[in-house]
C-alpha atoms as a PDB file:
ATOM      1  CA  UNK A   1     -19.490   3.754   4.903  1.00  0.00           C
ATOM      2  CA  UNK A   2     -15.757   3.119   4.627  1.00  0.00           C
ATOM      3  CA  UNK A   3     -14.214   3.597   1.226  1.00  0.00           C
ATOM      4  CA  UNK A   4     -10.643   3.082   0.117  1.00  0.00           C
ATOM      5  CA  UNK A   5     -10.087   4.075  -3.489  1.00  0.00           C
ATOM      6  CA  UNK A   6      -6.793   3.297  -5.175  1.00  0.00           C
ATOM      7  CA  UNK A   7      -5.461   4.997  -8.271  1.00  0.00           C
ATOM      8  CA  UNK A   8      -2.217   5.436 -10.158  1.00  0.00           C
ATOM      9  CA  UNK A   9      -1.619   1.974 -11.499  1.00  0.00           C
ATOM     10  CA  UNK A  10      -0.548   1.334 -15.053  1.00  0.00           C
ATOM     11  CA  UNK A  11       2.021  -0.246 -17.330  1.00  0.00           C
ATOM     12  CA  UNK A  12       5.667   0.733 -17.212  1.00  0.00           C
ATOM     13  CA  UNK A  13       8.975  -0.614 -18.373  1.00  0.00           C
ATOM     14  CA  UNK A  14      11.444  -2.116 -15.968  1.00  0.00           C
ATOM     15  CA  UNK A  15      13.348   0.596 -14.162  1.00  0.00           C
ATOM     16  CA  UNK A  16      10.425   2.986 -14.330  1.00  0.00           C
ATOM     17  CA  UNK A  17       8.336   4.550 -11.586  1.00  0.00           C
ATOM     18  CA  UNK A  18       4.718   4.818 -10.542  1.00  0.00           C
ATOM     19  CA  UNK A  19       2.948   6.468  -7.646  1.00  0.00           C
ATOM     20  CA  UNK A  20      -0.148   4.837  -6.228  1.00  0.00           C
ATOM     21  CA  UNK A  21      -2.690   6.778  -4.224  1.00  0.00           C
ATOM     22  CA  UNK A  22      -5.299   5.586  -1.747  1.00  0.00           C
ATOM     23  CA  UNK A  23      -8.042   8.022  -0.819  1.00  0.00           C
ATOM     24  CA  UNK A  24      -9.781   7.141   2.446  1.00  0.00           C
ATOM     25  CA  UNK A  25     -13.276   8.177   3.478  1.00  0.00           C
ATOM     26  CA  UNK A  26     -15.715   7.126   6.173  1.00  0.00           C
ATOM     27  CA  UNK A  27     -12.876   5.933   8.398  1.00  0.00           C
ATOM     28  CA  UNK A  28     -10.909   7.458  11.232  1.00  0.00           C
ATOM     29  CA  UNK A  29      -7.796   8.000   9.217  1.00  0.00           C
ATOM     30  CA  UNK A  30      -5.619   9.538  11.903  1.00  0.00           C
ATOM     31  CA  UNK A  31      -3.597   7.409  14.325  1.00  0.00           C
ATOM     32  CA  UNK A  32      -4.269   4.168  12.511  1.00  0.00           C
ATOM     33  CA  UNK A  33      -2.334   1.926  10.187  1.00  0.00           C
ATOM     34  CA  UNK A  34      -2.642   2.061   6.424  1.00  0.00           C
ATOM     35  CA  UNK A  35      -1.050  -0.555   4.257  1.00  0.00           C
ATOM     36  CA  UNK A  36      -0.387  -1.615   0.703  1.00  0.00           C
ATOM     37  CA  UNK A  37      -0.605  -5.238  -0.333  1.00  0.00           C
ATOM     38  CA  UNK A  38      -0.174  -6.894  -3.704  1.00  0.00           C
ATOM     39  CA  UNK A  39      -1.308 -10.060  -5.370  1.00  0.00           C
ATOM     40  CA  UNK A  40       0.112 -11.558  -8.531  1.00  0.00           C
ATOM     41  CA  UNK A  41      -1.785 -14.202 -10.517  1.00  0.00           C
ATOM     42  CA  UNK A  42      -1.598 -17.553  -8.791  1.00  0.00           C
ATOM     43  CA  UNK A  43       0.019 -16.121  -5.668  1.00  0.00           C
ATOM     44  CA  UNK A  44      -1.210 -15.108  -2.257  1.00  0.00           C
ATOM     45  CA  UNK A  45      -1.789 -11.505  -1.356  1.00  0.00           C
ATOM     46  CA  UNK A  46       1.259 -10.218   0.464  1.00  0.00           C
ATOM     47  CA  UNK A  47       2.228  -7.113   2.372  1.00  0.00           C
ATOM     48  CA  UNK A  48       4.248  -4.430   0.654  1.00  0.00           C
ATOM     49  CA  UNK A  49       4.356  -1.479   3.053  1.00  0.00           C
ATOM     50  CA  UNK A  50       2.476   0.057   5.960  1.00  0.00           C
ATOM     51  CA  UNK A  51       2.465   3.434   7.636  1.00  0.00           C
ATOM     52  CA  UNK A  52       1.177   4.423  11.045  1.00  0.00           C
ATOM     53  CA  UNK A  53      -0.637   7.652  10.321  1.00  0.00           C
ATOM     54  CA  UNK A  54      -0.298   8.875  13.892  1.00  0.00           C
ATOM     55  CA  UNK A  55       3.463   9.063  13.959  1.00  0.00           C
ATOM     56  CA  UNK A  56       4.707   8.182  10.531  1.00  0.00           C
ATOM     57  CA  UNK A  57       6.390   4.883  11.374  1.00  0.00           C
ATOM     58  CA  UNK A  58       6.815   2.803   8.251  1.00  0.00           C
ATOM     59  CA  UNK A  59       7.314  -0.868   7.513  1.00  0.00           C
ATOM     60  CA  UNK A  60       8.418  -2.522   4.270  1.00  0.00           C
ATOM     61  CA  UNK A  61       8.722  -5.943   2.778  1.00  0.00           C
ATOM     62  CA  UNK A  62      12.337  -6.871   2.130  1.00  0.00           C
ATOM     63  CA  UNK A  63      11.646  -7.160  -1.590  1.00  0.00           C
ATOM     64  CA  UNK A  64      10.781  -3.464  -1.901  1.00  0.00           C
ATOM     65  CA  UNK A  65      13.074  -1.816   0.637  1.00  0.00           C
ATOM     66  CA  UNK A  66      15.072   0.965  -0.942  1.00  0.00           C
ATOM     67  CA  UNK A  67      12.782   1.111  -3.970  1.00  0.00           C
ATOM     68  CA  UNK A  68       9.306   1.845  -2.597  1.00  0.00           C
ATOM     69  CA  UNK A  69       8.279   4.618  -0.221  1.00  0.00           C
ATOM     70  CA  UNK A  70       4.981   4.849   1.626  1.00  0.00           C
ATOM     71  CA  UNK A  71       3.826   8.287   2.704  1.00  0.00           C
ATOM     72  CA  UNK A  72       0.725  10.126   3.806  1.00  0.00           C
ATOM     73  CA  UNK A  73      -1.104  13.399   3.413  1.00  0.00           C
ATOM     74  CA  UNK A  74      -3.255  13.747   6.487  1.00  0.00           C
ATOM     75  CA  UNK A  75      -5.014  16.815   5.147  1.00  0.00           C
ATOM     76  CA  UNK A  76      -6.260  14.755   2.215  1.00  0.00           C
ATOM     77  CA  UNK A  77      -6.765  11.449   4.066  1.00  0.00           C
ATOM     78  CA  UNK A  78      -4.590   9.895   1.404  1.00  0.00           C
ATOM     79  CA  UNK A  79      -1.774   7.385   1.491  1.00  0.00           C
ATOM     80  CA  UNK A  80       0.752   7.044  -1.300  1.00  0.00           C
ATOM     81  CA  UNK A  81       3.116   4.378  -2.502  1.00  0.00           C
ATOM     82  CA  UNK A  82       5.981   5.698  -4.573  1.00  0.00           C
ATOM     83  CA  UNK A  83       7.486   2.849  -6.551  1.00  0.00           C
ATOM     84  CA  UNK A  84      10.867   3.329  -8.194  1.00  0.00           C
ATOM     85  CA  UNK A  85      13.203   0.971 -10.029  1.00  0.00           C
ATOM     86  CA  UNK A  86      10.287  -1.250 -10.850  1.00  0.00           C
ATOM     87  CA  UNK A  87      10.942  -4.856 -11.810  1.00  0.00           C
ATOM     88  CA  UNK A  88       8.807  -7.364 -13.730  1.00  0.00           C
ATOM     89  CA  UNK A  89       8.296  -9.250 -10.465  1.00  0.00           C
ATOM     90  CA  UNK A  90       6.502  -6.194  -9.065  1.00  0.00           C
ATOM     91  CA  UNK A  91       3.666  -6.887 -11.496  1.00  0.00           C
ATOM     92  CA  UNK A  92       0.508  -7.421  -9.448  1.00  0.00           C
ATOM     93  CA  UNK A  93      -2.786  -6.000  -8.350  1.00  0.00           C
ATOM     94  CA  UNK A  94      -2.045  -3.523  -5.568  1.00  0.00           C
ATOM     95  CA  UNK A  95      -4.520  -3.080  -2.738  1.00  0.00           C
ATOM     96  CA  UNK A  96      -4.824  -0.406  -0.092  1.00  0.00           C
ATOM     97  CA  UNK A  97      -5.941  -1.566   3.357  1.00  0.00           C
ATOM     98  CA  UNK A  98      -6.852   0.025   6.681  1.00  0.00           C
ATOM     99  CA  UNK A  99      -6.224  -1.312  10.164  1.00  0.00           C
ATOM    100  CA  UNK A 100      -6.401  -0.084  13.729  1.00  0.00           C
ATOM    101  CA  UNK A 101      -3.592   1.608  15.631  1.00  0.00           C
ATOM    102  CA  UNK A 102      -1.488  -1.457  16.421  1.00  0.00           C
ATOM    103  CA  UNK A 103       0.706  -2.576  13.567  1.00  0.00           C
ATOM    104  CA  UNK A 104       4.185  -2.595  15.045  1.00  0.00           C
ATOM    105  CA  UNK A 105       6.664  -5.424  14.963  1.00  0.00           C
ATOM    106  CA  UNK A 106       5.640  -8.323  12.793  1.00  0.00           C
ATOM    107  CA  UNK A 107       1.949  -7.461  12.936  1.00  0.00           C
ATOM    108  CA  UNK A 108       2.074  -4.960  10.107  1.00  0.00           C
ATOM    109  CA  UNK A 109       2.281  -7.630   7.425  1.00  0.00           C
ATOM    110  CA  UNK A 110      -0.609  -9.778   8.633  1.00  0.00           C
ATOM    111  CA  UNK A 111      -3.630  -9.558   6.352  1.00  0.00           C
ATOM    112  CA  UNK A 112      -6.008 -10.349   9.214  1.00  0.00           C
ATOM    113  CA  UNK A 113      -5.018  -7.081  10.881  1.00  0.00           C
ATOM    114  CA  UNK A 114      -6.689  -5.043   8.126  1.00  0.00           C
ATOM    115  CA  UNK A 115     -10.442  -4.732   8.250  1.00  0.00           C
ATOM    116  CA  UNK A 116     -11.016  -2.597   5.182  1.00  0.00           C
ATOM    117  CA  UNK A 117      -9.755  -3.025   1.648  1.00  0.00           C
ATOM    118  CA  UNK A 118      -9.898  -1.160  -1.619  1.00  0.00           C
ATOM    119  CA  UNK A 119     -10.717  -2.673  -4.985  1.00  0.00           C
ATOM    120  CA  UNK A 120      -7.139  -2.614  -6.203  1.00  0.00           C
ATOM    121  CA  UNK A 121      -5.155  -1.046  -9.006  1.00  0.00           C
ATOM    122  CA  UNK A 122      -3.137  -3.017 -11.534  1.00  0.00           C
ATOM    123  CA  UNK A 123       0.590  -2.496 -11.938  1.00  0.00           C
ATOM    124  CA  UNK A 124       2.307  -4.155 -14.882  1.00  0.00           C
ATOM    125  CA  UNK A 125       6.072  -3.983 -15.366  1.00  0.00           C
ATOM    126  CA  UNK A 126       7.571  -5.301 -18.580  1.00  0.00           C
END
């Protein structure tokens, strides 16, 4: 039974920081791709960042480059999203997602690549 459990969301003022966590169980965590997506009210769910757990390659949406950092703790089967310099437009529900080992190039941002999803954690920036 695959479980992805997000935590760390909350409300912050613009310019603040939050760190999201995604604990993974029941899934072969190593050498696969783990991603963060977000969905604001009335908008489609879009890719934020992805990491290949086998080698550490990372991918980011242009809107978060330089502000967000995705990382992993393989010993804990956990992926993190450190979010700095938060803006009101970062307000959304943030979802953790798991894919197979191929997420290079433009594939990383495609929702269809990810077969497992968490329930989401809300981030509100005012």
